[in-house]
Protein backbone atom coordinates (compact mmCIF):
# COMPACT_ATOMS: atom_id res chain seq x y z
CA UNK A 1 78.45 79.46 60.54
CA UNK A 2 81.82 78.10 61.64
CA UNK A 3 83.47 81.43 60.81
CA UNK A 4 80.92 83.23 62.97
CA UNK A 5 81.71 80.97 65.95
CA UNK A 6 85.44 81.55 65.56
CA UNK A 7 84.93 85.32 65.23
CA UNK A 8 82.67 85.39 68.30
CA UNK A 9 85.16 83.34 70.34
CA UNK A 10 88.08 85.60 69.37
CA UNK A 11 86.06 88.74 70.08
CA UNK A 12 85.00 87.40 73.49
CA UNK A 13 88.62 86.48 74.34
CA UNK A 14 89.79 90.00 73.43
CA UNK A 15 87.09 91.59 75.59
CA UNK A 16 87.97 89.40 78.59
CA UNK A 17 91.67 90.19 78.16
CA UNK A 18 90.97 93.94 78.13
CA UNK A 19 88.91 93.69 81.30
CA UNK A 20 91.57 91.58 83.04
CA UNK A 21 94.38 93.98 82.09
CA UNK A 22 92.48 97.12 83.08
CA UNK A 23 92.55 96.32 86.77
CA UNK A 24 92.60 98.99 89.39
CA UNK A 25 92.50 98.83 93.15
CA UNK A 26 90.97 101.20 95.68
CA UNK A 27 91.10 101.46 99.46
CA UNK A 28 90.03 104.04 102.02
CA UNK A 29 92.20 104.58 105.08
CA UNK A 30 91.33 106.74 108.09
CA UNK A 31 93.72 108.21 110.64
CA UNK A 32 93.02 110.51 113.59
CA UNK A 33 95.36 112.98 115.26
CA UNK A 34 95.43 114.87 118.54
CA UNK A 35 96.24 118.47 117.60
CA UNK A 36 98.26 119.01 120.80
CA UNK A 37 96.79 122.47 121.39
CA UNK A 38 97.46 123.87 117.90
CA UNK A 39 94.76 125.66 115.92
CA UNK A 40 96.45 125.55 112.48
CA UNK A 41 96.91 122.38 110.43
CA UNK A 42 99.21 122.34 107.40
CA UNK A 43 98.43 119.59 104.87
CA UNK A 44 101.82 118.96 103.25
CA UNK A 45 100.54 116.39 100.74
CA UNK A 46 99.90 116.14 97.01
CA UNK A 47 96.44 115.36 95.73
CA UNK A 48 92.95 116.72 96.18
CA UNK A 49 92.08 117.88 99.68
CA UNK A 50 88.53 118.48 100.89
CA UNK A 51 87.89 119.94 104.33
CA UNK A 52 84.75 119.31 106.36
CA UNK A 53 83.82 120.45 109.83
CA UNK A 54 83.05 118.02 112.61
CA UNK A 55 82.45 118.18 116.32
CA UNK A 56 85.27 117.14 118.61
CA UNK A 57 88.83 118.15 119.35
CA UNK A 58 90.72 115.77 117.07
CA UNK A 59 91.37 115.92 113.36
CA UNK A 60 90.42 112.92 111.25
CA UNK A 61 91.86 112.37 107.77
CA UNK A 62 90.24 109.99 105.31
CA UNK A 63 92.53 108.94 102.45
CA UNK A 64 91.08 107.45 99.27
CA UNK A 65 93.89 105.57 97.53
CA UNK A 66 93.60 104.27 93.98
CA UNK A 67 96.14 102.28 91.98
CA UNK A 68 95.17 102.63 88.33
CA UNK A 69 97.62 100.00 87.12
CA UNK A 70 97.84 97.69 90.11
CA UNK A 71 95.90 94.98 91.85
CA UNK A 72 94.27 94.97 95.26
CA UNK A 73 96.94 92.58 96.57
CA UNK A 74 99.68 95.05 95.56
CA UNK A 75 97.78 97.86 97.27
CA UNK A 76 97.35 95.79 100.44
CA UNK A 77 101.08 95.01 100.45
CA UNK A 78 101.91 98.72 100.11
CA UNK A 79 99.56 99.54 102.99
CA UNK A 80 101.16 96.87 105.20
CA UNK A 81 104.60 98.27 104.29
CA UNK A 82 103.34 101.66 105.61
CA UNK A 83 103.63 103.48 102.29
CA UNK A 84 100.47 105.46 103.06
CA UNK A 85 101.33 106.25 106.67
CA UNK A 86 100.24 109.82 107.35
CA UNK A 87 102.54 111.44 109.93
CA UNK A 88 101.66 114.43 112.10
CA UNK A 89 104.01 116.65 114.10
CA UNK A 90 104.00 120.14 115.57
CA UNK A 91 106.35 122.59 113.82
CA UNK A 92 106.32 126.41 114.01
CA UNK A 93 103.08 126.53 116.04
CA UNK A 94 101.17 124.47 113.49
CA UNK A 95 100.35 120.79 113.15
CA UNK A 96 101.95 119.48 109.94
CA UNK A 97 100.58 116.36 108.22
CA UNK A 98 102.63 114.66 105.51
CA UNK A 99 103.50 111.32 103.92
CA UNK A 100 107.29 111.17 103.43
CA UNK A 101 107.11 107.58 102.18
CA UNK A 102 105.44 108.77 98.95
CA UNK A 103 108.66 110.46 97.82
CA UNK A 104 109.91 107.10 96.51
CA UNK A 105 108.44 105.65 93.33
CA UNK A 106 107.26 102.03 93.30
CA UNK A 107 107.81 99.77 90.31
CA UNK A 108 106.26 96.36 89.80
CA UNK A 109 107.58 94.30 86.94
CA UNK A 110 109.54 97.31 85.69
CA UNK A 111 106.36 99.42 85.44
CA UNK A 112 105.90 102.42 87.72
CA UNK A 113 102.66 102.30 89.70
CA UNK A 114 100.23 105.17 89.19
CA UNK A 115 98.68 106.30 92.47
CA UNK A 116 95.83 108.73 92.97
CA UNK A 117 95.28 109.88 96.53
CA UNK A 118 92.57 112.23 97.70
CA UNK A 119 92.06 113.44 101.26
CA UNK A 120 88.97 114.40 103.22
CA UNK A 121 89.91 116.26 106.39
CA UNK A 122 87.38 116.39 109.22
CA UNK A 123 88.51 119.24 111.48
CA UNK A 124 87.03 121.02 114.51
CA UNK A 125 85.32 124.37 113.88
CA UNK A 126 88.10 126.42 115.48
CA UNK A 127 90.92 124.90 113.41
CA UNK A 128 92.34 126.47 110.25
CA UNK A 129 93.43 123.95 107.61
CA UNK A 130 96.07 125.19 105.16
CA UNK A 131 97.54 123.47 102.12
CA UNK A 132 101.22 123.60 101.23
CA UNK A 133 100.53 122.55 97.64
CA UNK A 134 98.74 125.37 95.81
CA UNK A 135 97.61 123.03 93.04
CA UNK A 136 95.31 121.21 95.47
CA UNK A 137 93.23 124.27 96.33
CA UNK A 138 93.47 127.99 95.78
CA UNK A 139 93.01 129.01 99.44
CA UNK A 140 93.24 127.63 102.91
CA UNK A 141 89.92 126.65 104.39
CA UNK A 142 88.69 128.58 107.38
CA UNK A 143 85.47 127.06 108.62
CA UNK A 144 84.40 130.45 109.96
CA UNK A 145 84.15 131.70 106.37
CA UNK A 146 82.55 130.13 103.32
CA UNK A 147 85.63 130.24 101.08
CA UNK A 148 87.81 127.42 99.87
């Protein structure tokens, strides 16, 4: 009986430790951009990109950020430090969206953070959204066709 109590206590402690160590944090950020008269948007980002049509003349980007080996307080600190600041500028007659701050790796306690970022782009019907990273999607999305 006493052995069973000790075994149960140790097993419970191991399960709680695994749950505590397997923390992950998630946040969703949204940013809108005025396209400044351009009809082509280049998404110069890494990660999954999904494009949806919406009414209006601005482009809205929803970023789902996940830290698989970090806490929500670390993620909030990174957001406040503008790590996930999406920047838009007109270049070569297209509106380019990128996140230059992601080029640097972040380490906490000597361990590199693992980030997963996915994007949902809400664009007007007359705007072509292209991807610079071919691994994100095989084709640019033209809302006038049904291809992706």
